[in-house]
């Protein structure tokens, strides 16, 4: 676990995934904290207009999750401490590769101290395993063109660019593309 002194040698062995099969407001408070974090939001949530982003509330996130039976949300924990999340949606309506066996995924490493330490690769491995169990034969994701580290990770894991949607997201005073990537399993 991360402490003021850094990570101990066994911290990656403590990583685990918890499927959010029961929606609890406490979990959505954590997701809300990450969704509203200005260091995370531009990389995880598309901004479709110029102007100030309205903050999310835990209740809004929970209601949204409850309205989508096809989306599964998972917390990634170091022991009991949530450090990130991912979701898998087998019926996401905006996929480029629209087949019933294509999973749409997203992930966030919410706790800053865990970024750049291999957690993203670990999460992607868990996502691929879970997608296979759900019957997916392909995984699609979207990544904003300015998220170079994520693009490198996905390419290193066998994801290929299948589409580029220009002027998709507004960030730092200009419009950027959404890069769609796919991996067949």
Protein backbone atom coordinates (compact mmCIF):
# COMPACT_ATOMS: atom_id res chain seq x y z
CA UNK A 1 0.00 0.00 0.00
CA UNK A 2 1.16 3.54 -0.64
CA UNK A 3 2.28 5.44 2.42
CA UNK A 4 4.18 8.66 3.02
CA UNK A 5 7.35 6.63 2.55
CA UNK A 6 6.26 5.25 -0.83
CA UNK A 7 5.19 1.77 -1.97
CA UNK A 8 6.29 -1.38 -0.20
CA UNK A 9 7.63 -4.27 -2.27
CA UNK A 10 4.38 -6.26 -2.25
CA UNK A 11 1.91 -3.56 -3.22
CA UNK A 12 1.08 -4.99 -6.69
CA UNK A 13 0.21 -8.34 -5.14
CA UNK A 14 -2.53 -6.60 -3.18
CA UNK A 15 -4.27 -5.18 -6.26
CA UNK A 16 -7.71 -6.62 -6.73
CA UNK A 17 -10.90 -5.95 -8.65
CA UNK A 18 -14.30 -5.51 -7.03
CA UNK A 19 -17.36 -5.72 -9.27
CA UNK A 20 -19.91 -3.13 -8.19
CA UNK A 21 -22.86 -5.53 -8.18
CA UNK A 22 -24.63 -3.45 -5.54
CA UNK A 23 -24.66 0.28 -6.00
CA UNK A 24 -23.62 2.13 -2.86
CA UNK A 25 -23.42 5.89 -2.62
CA UNK A 26 -20.00 5.62 -0.92
CA UNK A 27 -18.56 4.00 -4.07
CA UNK A 28 -20.05 6.73 -6.24
CA UNK A 29 -18.58 9.41 -3.99
CA UNK A 30 -15.16 8.00 -4.85
CA UNK A 31 -15.98 7.84 -8.57
CA UNK A 32 -17.33 11.39 -8.36
CA UNK A 33 -14.12 12.63 -6.75
CA UNK A 34 -12.12 11.21 -9.67
CA UNK A 35 -14.62 12.39 -12.31
CA UNK A 36 -14.38 15.95 -11.02
CA UNK A 37 -10.59 15.95 -10.55
CA UNK A 38 -9.14 18.49 -13.04
CA UNK A 39 -6.08 16.24 -13.56
CA UNK A 40 -8.26 13.28 -14.56
CA UNK A 41 -11.39 14.71 -16.16
CA UNK A 42 -9.81 15.87 -19.46
CA UNK A 43 -8.43 12.36 -20.01
CA UNK A 44 -11.52 10.41 -19.01
CA UNK A 45 -14.60 12.46 -19.85
CA UNK A 46 -15.09 14.14 -23.22
CA UNK A 47 -15.76 17.85 -23.19
CA UNK A 48 -18.03 18.60 -26.14
CA UNK A 49 -18.24 22.37 -25.74
CA UNK A 50 -16.24 25.43 -24.79
CA UNK A 51 -16.99 26.63 -21.29
CA UNK A 52 -16.95 25.54 -17.69
CA UNK A 53 -17.64 21.91 -16.84
CA UNK A 54 -20.41 21.36 -14.36
CA UNK A 55 -19.29 19.06 -11.53
CA UNK A 56 -20.83 15.62 -11.25
CA UNK A 57 -22.64 14.51 -8.11
CA UNK A 58 -22.47 11.00 -6.66
CA UNK A 59 -26.23 10.68 -7.08
CA UNK A 60 -26.06 11.58 -10.80
CA UNK A 61 -23.35 8.97 -11.40
CA UNK A 62 -25.28 6.32 -9.49
CA UNK A 63 -28.54 7.01 -11.36
CA UNK A 64 -26.69 6.90 -14.68
CA UNK A 65 -25.19 3.52 -13.77
CA UNK A 66 -28.56 2.16 -12.67
CA UNK A 67 -30.11 3.15 -16.01
CA UNK A 68 -27.62 1.11 -18.04
CA UNK A 69 -28.00 -2.62 -17.46
CA UNK A 70 -25.35 -3.39 -20.09
CA UNK A 71 -22.56 -1.49 -18.32
CA UNK A 72 -20.57 -3.22 -15.60
CA UNK A 73 -18.46 -1.08 -13.26
CA UNK A 74 -15.48 -2.37 -11.28
CA UNK A 75 -13.35 -0.75 -8.59
CA UNK A 76 -9.62 -1.45 -8.58
CA UNK A 77 -8.29 -1.59 -5.04
CA UNK A 78 -4.95 -1.78 -3.27
CA UNK A 79 -6.14 -3.98 -0.43
CA UNK A 80 -9.38 -2.25 0.57
CA UNK A 81 -8.40 1.21 -0.76
CA UNK A 82 -9.98 2.11 -4.13
CA UNK A 83 -7.33 3.46 -6.52
CA UNK A 84 -9.13 3.29 -9.86
CA UNK A 85 -12.05 1.94 -11.81
CA UNK A 86 -12.97 0.42 -15.12
CA UNK A 87 -16.15 -0.33 -16.96
CA UNK A 88 -17.23 -2.77 -19.63
CA UNK A 89 -20.28 -2.11 -21.79
CA UNK A 90 -21.37 -4.85 -24.18
CA UNK A 91 -23.99 -2.64 -25.87
CA UNK A 92 -22.38 0.80 -26.05
CA UNK A 93 -24.13 2.60 -28.88
CA UNK A 94 -21.21 4.64 -30.22
CA UNK A 95 -18.78 1.87 -31.10
CA UNK A 96 -17.13 1.99 -34.50
CA UNK A 97 -16.89 -1.82 -34.55
CA UNK A 98 -20.57 -2.50 -33.91
CA UNK A 99 -20.93 -6.20 -33.32
CA UNK A 100 -22.72 -7.76 -30.34
CA UNK A 101 -19.51 -9.46 -29.22
CA UNK A 102 -17.47 -6.23 -29.04
CA UNK A 103 -16.98 -4.80 -25.56
CA UNK A 104 -16.54 -1.05 -25.02
CA UNK A 105 -14.18 -0.29 -22.16
CA UNK A 106 -12.98 2.64 -20.12
CA UNK A 107 -10.58 2.95 -17.22
CA UNK A 108 -9.34 5.54 -14.75
CA UNK A 109 -6.45 5.40 -12.33
CA UNK A 110 -7.96 7.77 -9.80
CA UNK A 111 -5.20 7.97 -7.23
CA UNK A 112 -2.30 9.97 -8.61
CA UNK A 113 0.38 8.06 -6.69
CA UNK A 114 -0.50 4.90 -8.63
CA UNK A 115 -0.02 6.38 -12.10
CA UNK A 116 3.09 5.48 -14.08
CA UNK A 117 3.74 2.34 -12.05
CA UNK A 118 2.25 -0.37 -14.26
CA UNK A 119 -1.27 -0.23 -12.83
CA UNK A 120 -2.76 0.63 -16.24
CA UNK A 121 -1.26 -2.51 -17.79
CA UNK A 122 -2.47 -4.58 -14.81
CA UNK A 123 -5.99 -3.14 -15.20
CA UNK A 124 -6.01 -3.82 -18.95
CA UNK A 125 -5.08 -7.45 -18.28
CA UNK A 126 -8.01 -7.71 -15.84
CA UNK A 127 -10.33 -6.05 -18.36
CA UNK A 128 -9.33 -8.49 -21.11
CA UNK A 129 -9.89 -11.44 -18.78
CA UNK A 130 -13.32 -10.14 -17.74
CA UNK A 131 -14.34 -9.34 -21.34
CA UNK A 132 -13.50 -12.90 -22.37
CA UNK A 133 -15.68 -14.24 -19.55
CA UNK A 134 -18.52 -12.00 -20.75
CA UNK A 135 -18.24 -13.50 -24.25
CA UNK A 136 -16.48 -10.63 -26.00
CA UNK A 137 -14.42 -11.46 -29.08
CA UNK A 138 -13.14 -7.90 -29.49
CA UNK A 139 -12.53 -4.87 -27.29
CA UNK A 140 -12.93 -1.29 -28.46
CA UNK A 141 -11.88 1.84 -26.64
CA UNK A 142 -11.60 5.54 -27.29
CA UNK A 143 -8.59 7.61 -26.28
CA UNK A 144 -8.09 11.32 -26.83
CA UNK A 145 -5.15 12.09 -29.11
CA UNK A 146 -3.31 14.08 -26.41
CA UNK A 147 -3.20 11.08 -24.06
CA UNK A 148 0.06 9.78 -25.51
CA UNK A 149 0.94 7.51 -22.56
CA UNK A 150 -2.36 5.64 -22.84
CA UNK A 151 -2.00 5.28 -26.61
CA UNK A 152 1.48 3.76 -26.14
CA UNK A 153 0.11 1.34 -23.52
CA UNK A 154 -2.77 0.20 -25.71
CA UNK A 155 -0.53 -0.24 -28.77
CA UNK A 156 1.95 -2.27 -26.70
CA UNK A 157 -0.91 -4.58 -25.71
CA UNK A 158 -2.00 -5.22 -29.30
CA UNK A 159 -4.71 -2.59 -29.81
CA UNK A 160 -4.85 -1.09 -33.29
CA UNK A 161 -6.29 2.20 -34.48
CA UNK A 162 -9.53 1.60 -36.38
CA UNK A 163 -10.82 5.19 -36.64
CA UNK A 164 -9.98 8.78 -35.84
CA UNK A 165 -12.87 11.10 -35.06
CA UNK A 166 -11.59 14.65 -35.63
CA UNK A 167 -12.49 17.63 -33.44
CA UNK A 168 -14.20 15.39 -30.90
CA UNK A 169 -13.11 16.88 -27.57
CA UNK A 170 -12.18 20.36 -26.40
CA UNK A 171 -8.99 20.62 -24.30
CA UNK A 172 -6.56 23.44 -23.55
CA UNK A 173 -8.13 25.88 -25.99
CA UNK A 174 -8.43 23.66 -29.05
CA UNK A 175 -10.33 20.70 -30.46
CA UNK A 176 -8.73 17.23 -30.51
CA UNK A 177 -9.48 13.89 -32.12
CA UNK A 178 -10.82 10.77 -30.45
CA UNK A 179 -8.79 7.75 -31.49
CA UNK A 180 -10.73 4.49 -31.57
CA UNK A 181 -8.70 1.35 -30.99
CA UNK A 182 -9.64 -2.32 -31.23
CA UNK A 183 -8.17 -5.62 -30.16
CA UNK A 184 -9.54 -8.95 -31.33
CA UNK A 185 -9.35 -11.66 -28.74
